């Protein structure tokens, strides 16, 4: 099938040089590149997994289970001038 595609001059020059160096046609080079891109994009990307960033503690101290942020902040900065 014939189609028209606009390609920037520098990209076309580079493609022609590579095709000549490899003894192939510009058409074959373009088809090869297009096949590669299409094949890469068909592959499903692995699902994002957030790494476990937890530390080895035992959770909140019992006296803080129902505490508000003000109380927790107060304890964080206790003795530090904050």
N, C-alpha and C. Protein backbone atom coordinates (compact mmCIF):
# COMPACT_ATOMS: atom_id res chain seq x y z
N UNK A 1 0.84 -1.17 0.00
CA UNK A 1 0.00 0.00 0.00
C UNK A 1 0.89 1.24 0.00
N UNK A 2 0.52 2.19 -0.77
CA UNK A 2 1.28 3.43 -0.82
C UNK A 2 0.66 4.44 0.12
N UNK A 3 1.52 5.21 0.77
CA UNK A 3 1.05 6.31 1.62
C UNK A 3 2.12 7.39 1.63
N UNK A 4 1.74 8.57 2.04
CA UNK A 4 2.69 9.68 2.11
C UNK A 4 2.87 10.05 3.56
N UNK A 5 4.12 10.17 3.96
CA UNK A 5 4.45 10.54 5.34
C UNK A 5 5.49 11.65 5.27
N UNK A 6 5.28 12.68 6.07
CA UNK A 6 6.27 13.76 6.14
C UNK A 6 7.30 13.41 7.21
N UNK A 7 8.56 13.44 6.80
CA UNK A 7 9.68 13.14 7.71
C UNK A 7 10.63 14.33 7.64
N UNK A 8 11.14 14.72 8.78
CA UNK A 8 12.07 15.86 8.79
C UNK A 8 13.30 15.54 7.94
N UNK A 9 13.85 16.58 7.34
CA UNK A 9 15.02 16.40 6.46
C UNK A 9 16.19 15.72 7.16
N UNK A 10 16.57 16.17 8.37
CA UNK A 10 17.71 15.51 9.02
C UNK A 10 17.45 14.03 9.31
N UNK A 11 16.23 13.70 9.72
CA UNK A 11 15.90 12.30 10.00
C UNK A 11 15.95 11.46 8.72
N UNK A 12 15.43 12.01 7.65
CA UNK A 12 15.45 11.30 6.37
C UNK A 12 16.88 11.09 5.88
N UNK A 13 17.72 12.12 6.01
CA UNK A 13 19.14 11.98 5.61
C UNK A 13 19.81 10.87 6.40
N UNK A 14 19.60 10.86 7.72
CA UNK A 14 20.21 9.82 8.55
C UNK A 14 19.69 8.44 8.16
N UNK A 15 18.40 8.33 7.91
CA UNK A 15 17.81 7.04 7.54
C UNK A 15 18.38 6.55 6.21
N UNK A 16 18.53 7.43 5.27
CA UNK A 16 19.09 7.05 3.97
C UNK A 16 20.54 6.58 4.11
N UNK A 17 21.31 7.27 4.95
CA UNK A 17 22.71 6.86 5.17
C UNK A 17 22.77 5.46 5.78
N UNK A 18 21.92 5.21 6.77
CA UNK A 18 21.92 3.90 7.42
C UNK A 18 21.48 2.82 6.44
N UNK A 19 20.44 3.11 5.67
CA UNK A 19 19.97 2.13 4.68
C UNK A 19 21.07 1.80 3.68
N UNK A 20 21.78 2.81 3.21
CA UNK A 20 22.87 2.59 2.25
C UNK A 20 23.99 1.77 2.90
N UNK A 21 24.35 2.14 4.11
CA UNK A 21 25.43 1.44 4.81
C UNK A 21 25.09 -0.03 5.04
N UNK A 22 23.80 -0.30 5.33
CA UNK A 22 23.38 -1.67 5.60
C UNK A 22 22.93 -2.42 4.35
N UNK A 23 22.97 -1.74 3.20
CA UNK A 23 22.60 -2.39 1.95
C UNK A 23 21.12 -2.76 1.89
N UNK A 24 20.29 -1.92 2.44
CA UNK A 24 18.85 -2.17 2.43
C UNK A 24 18.15 -0.94 1.85
N UNK A 25 16.85 -1.02 1.76
CA UNK A 25 16.10 0.12 1.23
C UNK A 25 15.56 0.98 2.36
N UNK A 26 15.24 2.20 2.01
CA UNK A 26 14.63 3.09 2.99
C UNK A 26 13.29 2.52 3.45
N UNK A 27 12.54 1.95 2.51
CA UNK A 27 11.26 1.34 2.86
C UNK A 27 11.44 0.23 3.89
N UNK A 28 12.42 -0.65 3.68
CA UNK A 28 12.66 -1.77 4.60
C UNK A 28 13.06 -1.24 5.99
N UNK A 29 13.87 -0.20 5.99
CA UNK A 29 14.31 0.38 7.26
C UNK A 29 13.13 0.99 8.03
N UNK A 30 12.28 1.71 7.33
CA UNK A 30 11.10 2.31 7.96
C UNK A 30 10.16 1.23 8.48
N UNK A 31 9.92 0.19 7.67
CA UNK A 31 9.03 -0.89 8.10
C UNK A 31 9.59 -1.61 9.32
N UNK A 32 10.90 -1.82 9.34
CA UNK A 32 11.54 -2.48 10.48
C UNK A 32 11.35 -1.65 11.75
N UNK A 33 11.56 -0.35 11.65
CA UNK A 33 11.39 0.51 12.81
C UNK A 33 9.95 0.56 13.28
N UNK A 34 9.03 0.63 12.33
CA UNK A 34 7.61 0.68 12.68
C UNK A 34 7.18 -0.63 13.34
N UNK A 35 7.64 -1.76 12.81
CA UNK A 35 7.31 -3.05 13.42
C UNK A 35 7.83 -3.13 14.86
N UNK A 36 9.05 -2.65 15.06
CA UNK A 36 9.64 -2.69 16.40
C UNK A 36 8.81 -1.86 17.39
N UNK A 37 8.45 -0.66 16.99
CA UNK A 37 7.66 0.22 17.87
C UNK A 37 6.30 -0.40 18.16
N UNK A 38 5.64 -0.92 17.12
CA UNK A 38 4.32 -1.54 17.32
C UNK A 38 4.41 -2.73 18.26
N UNK A 39 5.44 -3.53 18.11
CA UNK A 39 5.60 -4.70 18.98
C UNK A 39 5.85 -4.28 20.44
N UNK A 40 6.66 -3.25 20.64
CA UNK A 40 6.92 -2.76 22.01
C UNK A 40 5.65 -2.23 22.66
N UNK A 41 4.83 -1.55 21.91
CA UNK A 41 3.63 -0.93 22.46
C UNK A 41 2.51 -1.93 22.69
N UNK A 42 2.58 -3.09 22.06
CA UNK A 42 1.56 -4.12 22.28
C UNK A 42 1.79 -4.85 23.59
N UNK A 43 3.04 -4.88 24.05
CA UNK A 43 3.36 -5.58 25.29
C UNK A 43 2.74 -4.84 26.46
N UNK A 44 2.05 -5.57 27.33
CA UNK A 44 1.48 -4.88 28.49
C UNK A 44 2.59 -4.43 29.44
N UNK A 45 2.44 -3.23 29.94
CA UNK A 45 3.42 -2.72 30.89
C UNK A 45 3.14 -3.33 32.25
N UNK A 46 4.19 -3.65 32.99
CA UNK A 46 3.96 -4.22 34.32
C UNK A 46 3.23 -3.21 35.20
N UNK A 47 2.35 -3.72 36.03
CA UNK A 47 1.59 -2.85 36.93
C UNK A 47 2.54 -2.20 37.93
N UNK A 48 2.25 -0.96 38.26
CA UNK A 48 3.06 -0.24 39.23
C UNK A 48 2.86 -0.85 40.61
N UNK A 49 3.95 -1.11 41.30
CA UNK A 49 3.89 -1.60 42.68
C UNK A 49 4.68 -0.65 43.55
N UNK A 50 4.01 -0.12 44.53
CA UNK A 50 4.66 0.74 45.50
C UNK A 50 5.44 -0.13 46.46
N UNK A 51 6.70 0.16 46.62
CA UNK A 51 7.51 -0.67 47.50
C UNK A 51 7.05 -0.49 48.94
N UNK A 52 7.25 -1.51 49.73
CA UNK A 52 6.87 -1.46 51.13
C UNK A 52 7.89 -0.59 51.86
N UNK A 53 7.45 0.58 52.32
CA UNK A 53 8.35 1.51 53.00
C UNK A 53 8.16 1.50 54.50
N UNK A 54 7.47 0.48 55.00
CA UNK A 54 7.22 0.44 56.44
C UNK A 54 8.50 0.11 57.19
N UNK A 55 8.51 0.49 58.44
CA UNK A 55 9.66 0.24 59.30
C UNK A 55 9.30 -0.83 60.31
N UNK A 56 10.27 -1.29 61.04
CA UNK A 56 10.07 -2.42 61.94
C UNK A 56 9.39 -2.09 63.25
N UNK A 57 8.63 -1.02 63.31
CA UNK A 57 7.96 -0.67 64.57
C UNK A 57 6.71 -1.49 64.80
N UNK A 58 6.00 -1.15 65.89
CA UNK A 58 4.78 -1.88 66.23
C UNK A 58 3.56 -0.97 66.11
N UNK A 59 3.65 0.05 65.30
CA UNK A 59 2.52 0.93 65.10
C UNK A 59 2.51 2.06 66.13
N UNK A 60 1.36 2.70 66.27
CA UNK A 60 1.23 3.81 67.21
C UNK A 60 1.30 3.33 68.65
N UNK A 61 1.83 4.18 69.48
CA UNK A 61 1.82 3.88 70.91
C UNK A 61 0.37 3.93 71.38
N UNK A 62 0.02 3.10 72.34
CA UNK A 62 -1.38 3.03 72.78
C UNK A 62 -1.96 4.39 73.17
N UNK A 63 -1.17 5.26 73.79
CA UNK A 63 -1.71 6.55 74.23
C UNK A 63 -1.97 7.51 73.06
N UNK A 64 -1.51 7.15 71.87
CA UNK A 64 -1.72 8.02 70.71
C UNK A 64 -2.79 7.50 69.74
N UNK A 65 -3.38 6.37 70.02
CA UNK A 65 -4.35 5.78 69.09
C UNK A 65 -5.50 6.73 68.75
N UNK A 66 -5.99 7.47 69.71
CA UNK A 66 -7.11 8.39 69.46
C UNK A 66 -6.67 9.85 69.51
N UNK A 67 -5.35 10.08 69.52
CA UNK A 67 -4.84 11.45 69.63
C UNK A 67 -4.98 12.17 68.29
N UNK A 68 -5.16 13.47 68.36
CA UNK A 68 -5.20 14.28 67.15
C UNK A 68 -3.79 14.66 66.71
N UNK A 69 -3.71 15.30 65.55
CA UNK A 69 -2.42 15.69 65.00
C UNK A 69 -1.68 16.65 65.92
N UNK A 70 -2.40 17.54 66.61
CA UNK A 70 -1.73 18.49 67.51
C UNK A 70 -0.96 17.76 68.60
N UNK A 71 -1.55 16.74 69.18
CA UNK A 71 -0.89 15.97 70.25
C UNK A 71 0.32 15.21 69.69
N UNK A 72 0.16 14.61 68.52
CA UNK A 72 1.27 13.86 67.91
C UNK A 72 2.43 14.81 67.59
N UNK A 73 2.13 15.98 67.01
CA UNK A 73 3.16 16.96 66.69
C UNK A 73 3.86 17.43 67.96
N UNK A 74 3.10 17.65 69.01
CA UNK A 74 3.68 18.08 70.28
C UNK A 74 4.71 17.08 70.77
N UNK A 75 4.39 15.79 70.66
CA UNK A 75 5.33 14.74 71.11
C UNK A 75 6.54 14.65 70.18
N UNK A 76 6.34 14.86 68.88
CA UNK A 76 7.46 14.80 67.92
C UNK A 76 8.51 15.84 68.27
N UNK A 77 8.04 17.06 68.59
CA UNK A 77 8.96 18.17 68.82
C UNK A 77 9.30 18.38 70.30
N UNK A 78 8.85 17.49 71.15
CA UNK A 78 9.08 17.61 72.59
C UNK A 78 10.59 17.67 72.88
N UNK A 79 11.00 18.71 73.61
CA UNK A 79 12.41 18.87 73.97
C UNK A 79 13.29 19.37 72.83
N UNK A 80 12.71 19.80 71.72
CA UNK A 80 13.49 20.29 70.59
C UNK A 80 13.23 21.74 70.29
N UNK A 81 12.58 22.42 71.17
CA UNK A 81 12.36 23.84 70.98
C UNK A 81 11.28 24.17 69.96
N UNK A 82 10.48 23.21 69.55
CA UNK A 82 9.46 23.45 68.54
C UNK A 82 8.15 23.60 69.18
